[in-house]
């Protein structure tokens, strides 16, 4: 389970960033620097923690999805030098969910990404 969670988070990080980049490009932002700055509102660990907490507090995730987040959050991985451990672990759990859904339920992934990007 340990390695699977890390792989899901690794994949989820890339998938999530791709969704965010496609969304921002569709907004006709004029420069790459502006795109990069706008992306930070979504892809930083602090942003991912905030987004995850909003999804949970608004009852947008199923019990199973929350379990995937919990398992991913509790997986031991390297420590971040730029954020506190709680934020890093929650962001890892969020990425784990994205990676899991990408592999197992793309329709649900699209639904969640729509909630995140269009609110």
C-alpha atoms as a PDB file:
ATOM      1  CA  UNK A   1       0.000   0.000   0.000  1.00  0.00           C
ATOM      2  CA  UNK A   2       2.854   2.346   0.866  1.00  0.00           C
ATOM      3  CA  UNK A   3       4.407   2.314  -2.604  1.00  0.00           C
ATOM      4  CA  UNK A   4       1.026   2.477  -4.346  1.00  0.00           C
ATOM      5  CA  UNK A   5       0.145   5.643  -2.427  1.00  0.00           C
ATOM      6  CA  UNK A   6       3.428   7.273  -3.384  1.00  0.00           C
ATOM      7  CA  UNK A   7       2.917   6.316  -7.030  1.00  0.00           C
ATOM      8  CA  UNK A   8      -0.645   7.670  -6.956  1.00  0.00           C
ATOM      9  CA  UNK A   9       0.626  10.934  -5.448  1.00  0.00           C
ATOM     10  CA  UNK A  10       3.463  11.149  -7.981  1.00  0.00           C
ATOM     11  CA  UNK A  11       1.048  10.641 -10.860  1.00  0.00           C
ATOM     12  CA  UNK A  12      -1.569  12.885  -9.240  1.00  0.00           C
ATOM     13  CA  UNK A  13       0.890  15.752  -9.020  1.00  0.00           C
ATOM     14  CA  UNK A  14       1.496  15.632 -12.778  1.00  0.00           C
ATOM     15  CA  UNK A  15      -2.168  15.114 -13.704  1.00  0.00           C
ATOM     16  CA  UNK A  16      -3.348  17.923 -11.435  1.00  0.00           C
ATOM     17  CA  UNK A  17      -0.781  20.339 -12.827  1.00  0.00           C
ATOM     18  CA  UNK A  18      -1.810  19.432 -16.383  1.00  0.00           C
ATOM     19  CA  UNK A  19      -5.485  20.173 -15.619  1.00  0.00           C
ATOM     20  CA  UNK A  20      -4.514  23.485 -14.010  1.00  0.00           C
ATOM     21  CA  UNK A  21      -2.275  24.482 -16.908  1.00  0.00           C
ATOM     22  CA  UNK A  22      -4.946  23.668 -19.487  1.00  0.00           C
ATOM     23  CA  UNK A  23      -7.477  25.687 -17.477  1.00  0.00           C
ATOM     24  CA  UNK A  24      -5.183  28.710 -17.175  1.00  0.00           C
ATOM     25  CA  UNK A  25      -4.257  28.626 -20.866  1.00  0.00           C
ATOM     26  CA  UNK A  26      -7.972  28.706 -21.675  1.00  0.00           C
ATOM     27  CA  UNK A  27      -8.186  31.980 -19.713  1.00  0.00           C
ATOM     28  CA  UNK A  28      -5.954  33.683 -22.326  1.00  0.00           C
ATOM     29  CA  UNK A  29      -3.359  34.805 -19.798  1.00  0.00           C
ATOM     30  CA  UNK A  30      -0.807  36.757 -21.776  1.00  0.00           C
ATOM     31  CA  UNK A  31       2.601  35.639 -20.516  1.00  0.00           C
ATOM     32  CA  UNK A  32       4.243  32.478 -19.260  1.00  0.00           C
ATOM     33  CA  UNK A  33       5.296  34.342 -16.116  1.00  0.00           C
ATOM     34  CA  UNK A  34       1.658  35.280 -15.444  1.00  0.00           C
ATOM     35  CA  UNK A  35       0.615  31.671 -16.113  1.00  0.00           C
ATOM     36  CA  UNK A  36       3.202  30.429 -13.616  1.00  0.00           C
ATOM     37  CA  UNK A  37       2.085  32.900 -10.960  1.00  0.00           C
ATOM     38  CA  UNK A  38      -1.577  31.999 -11.493  1.00  0.00           C
ATOM     39  CA  UNK A  39      -0.743  28.303 -11.255  1.00  0.00           C
ATOM     40  CA  UNK A  40       0.614  28.799  -7.738  1.00  0.00           C
ATOM     41  CA  UNK A  41      -2.938  29.554  -6.589  1.00  0.00           C
ATOM     42  CA  UNK A  42      -3.692  25.908  -7.371  1.00  0.00           C
ATOM     43  CA  UNK A  43      -0.542  23.795  -7.243  1.00  0.00           C
ATOM     44  CA  UNK A  44       1.353  24.880  -4.132  1.00  0.00           C
ATOM     45  CA  UNK A  45       1.060  22.623  -1.097  1.00  0.00           C
ATOM     46  CA  UNK A  46      -0.773  25.389   0.779  1.00  0.00           C
ATOM     47  CA  UNK A  47      -3.251  25.772  -2.070  1.00  0.00           C
ATOM     48  CA  UNK A  48      -3.778  22.029  -2.353  1.00  0.00           C
ATOM     49  CA  UNK A  49      -4.410  21.815   1.394  1.00  0.00           C
ATOM     50  CA  UNK A  50      -6.948  24.662   1.198  1.00  0.00           C
ATOM     51  CA  UNK A  51      -8.701  23.081  -1.799  1.00  0.00           C
ATOM     52  CA  UNK A  52      -8.820  19.672  -0.115  1.00  0.00           C
ATOM     53  CA  UNK A  53     -10.224  21.129   3.100  1.00  0.00           C
ATOM     54  CA  UNK A  54     -12.911  22.988   1.122  1.00  0.00           C
ATOM     55  CA  UNK A  55     -13.891  19.818  -0.754  1.00  0.00           C
ATOM     56  CA  UNK A  56     -14.193  17.915   2.512  1.00  0.00           C
ATOM     57  CA  UNK A  57     -16.012  20.634   4.462  1.00  0.00           C
ATOM     58  CA  UNK A  58     -18.505  21.074   1.606  1.00  0.00           C
ATOM     59  CA  UNK A  59     -19.131  17.299   1.467  1.00  0.00           C
ATOM     60  CA  UNK A  60     -17.870  17.040  -2.108  1.00  0.00           C
ATOM     61  CA  UNK A  61     -15.829  13.863  -1.549  1.00  0.00           C
ATOM     62  CA  UNK A  62     -17.260  10.418  -0.991  1.00  0.00           C
ATOM     63  CA  UNK A  63     -16.248   8.335   2.012  1.00  0.00           C
ATOM     64  CA  UNK A  64     -14.061   6.199  -0.261  1.00  0.00           C
ATOM     65  CA  UNK A  65     -12.336   9.303  -1.661  1.00  0.00           C
ATOM     66  CA  UNK A  66     -11.710  10.608   1.849  1.00  0.00           C
ATOM     67  CA  UNK A  67     -10.162   7.236   2.735  1.00  0.00           C
ATOM     68  CA  UNK A  68      -7.816   7.496  -0.254  1.00  0.00           C
ATOM     69  CA  UNK A  69      -6.813  10.972   0.924  1.00  0.00           C
ATOM     70  CA  UNK A  70      -6.288   9.697   4.481  1.00  0.00           C
ATOM     71  CA  UNK A  71      -4.118   6.803   3.331  1.00  0.00           C
ATOM     72  CA  UNK A  72      -2.086   9.061   1.064  1.00  0.00           C
ATOM     73  CA  UNK A  73      -1.738  11.666   3.784  1.00  0.00           C
ATOM     74  CA  UNK A  74      -0.423   9.082   6.221  1.00  0.00           C
ATOM     75  CA  UNK A  75       2.165   7.684   3.804  1.00  0.00           C
ATOM     76  CA  UNK A  76       5.676   8.492   4.927  1.00  0.00           C
ATOM     77  CA  UNK A  77       7.492  10.426   2.240  1.00  0.00           C
ATOM     78  CA  UNK A  78      10.246  13.000   2.163  1.00  0.00           C
ATOM     79  CA  UNK A  79       9.744  16.228   4.052  1.00  0.00           C
ATOM     80  CA  UNK A  80       9.235  19.575   2.401  1.00  0.00           C
ATOM     81  CA  UNK A  81      11.650  22.380   3.168  1.00  0.00           C
ATOM     82  CA  UNK A  82       9.095  25.040   2.267  1.00  0.00           C
ATOM     83  CA  UNK A  83       5.954  24.024   4.164  1.00  0.00           C
ATOM     84  CA  UNK A  84       4.937  22.554   7.490  1.00  0.00           C
ATOM     85  CA  UNK A  85       4.456  18.770   7.819  1.00  0.00           C
ATOM     86  CA  UNK A  86       0.639  18.913   8.187  1.00  0.00           C
ATOM     87  CA  UNK A  87       0.246  20.940   5.007  1.00  0.00           C
ATOM     88  CA  UNK A  88       2.671  18.712   3.128  1.00  0.00           C
ATOM     89  CA  UNK A  89       0.857  15.532   4.194  1.00  0.00           C
ATOM     90  CA  UNK A  90      -2.566  16.907   3.266  1.00  0.00           C
ATOM     91  CA  UNK A  91      -1.250  18.008  -0.131  1.00  0.00           C
ATOM     92  CA  UNK A  92       0.198  14.522  -0.626  1.00  0.00           C
ATOM     93  CA  UNK A  93      -3.187  13.002   0.240  1.00  0.00           C
ATOM     94  CA  UNK A  94      -4.846  15.317  -2.286  1.00  0.00           C
ATOM     95  CA  UNK A  95      -2.368  14.314  -5.002  1.00  0.00           C
ATOM     96  CA  UNK A  96      -2.902  10.658  -4.110  1.00  0.00           C
ATOM     97  CA  UNK A  97      -6.645  11.090  -4.727  1.00  0.00           C
ATOM     98  CA  UNK A  98      -6.040  12.780  -8.074  1.00  0.00           C
ATOM     99  CA  UNK A  99      -3.662  10.003  -9.171  1.00  0.00           C
ATOM    100  CA  UNK A 100      -6.039   7.281  -8.009  1.00  0.00           C
ATOM    101  CA  UNK A 101      -9.004   8.827  -9.841  1.00  0.00           C
ATOM    102  CA  UNK A 102      -6.952   9.327 -13.001  1.00  0.00           C
ATOM    103  CA  UNK A 103      -6.251   5.609 -13.091  1.00  0.00           C
ATOM    104  CA  UNK A 104      -9.643   4.363 -11.920  1.00  0.00           C
ATOM    105  CA  UNK A 105     -12.416   6.898 -12.540  1.00  0.00           C
ATOM    106  CA  UNK A 106     -11.668   9.704 -15.001  1.00  0.00           C
ATOM    107  CA  UNK A 107     -15.302  10.821 -15.028  1.00  0.00           C
ATOM    108  CA  UNK A 108     -15.143  11.477 -11.289  1.00  0.00           C
ATOM    109  CA  UNK A 109     -11.754  13.148 -11.684  1.00  0.00           C
ATOM    110  CA  UNK A 110     -13.281  15.508 -14.243  1.00  0.00           C
ATOM    111  CA  UNK A 111     -16.128  16.291 -11.826  1.00  0.00           C
ATOM    112  CA  UNK A 112     -13.753  17.117  -8.997  1.00  0.00           C
ATOM    113  CA  UNK A 113     -11.495  19.193 -11.233  1.00  0.00           C
ATOM    114  CA  UNK A 114     -14.526  21.128 -12.442  1.00  0.00           C
ATOM    115  CA  UNK A 115     -15.449  21.870  -8.821  1.00  0.00           C
ATOM    116  CA  UNK A 116     -11.921  23.096  -8.164  1.00  0.00           C
ATOM    117  CA  UNK A 117     -11.345  25.132 -11.307  1.00  0.00           C
ATOM    118  CA  UNK A 118     -14.772  26.594 -11.923  1.00  0.00           C
ATOM    119  CA  UNK A 119     -15.650  27.856  -8.470  1.00  0.00           C
END
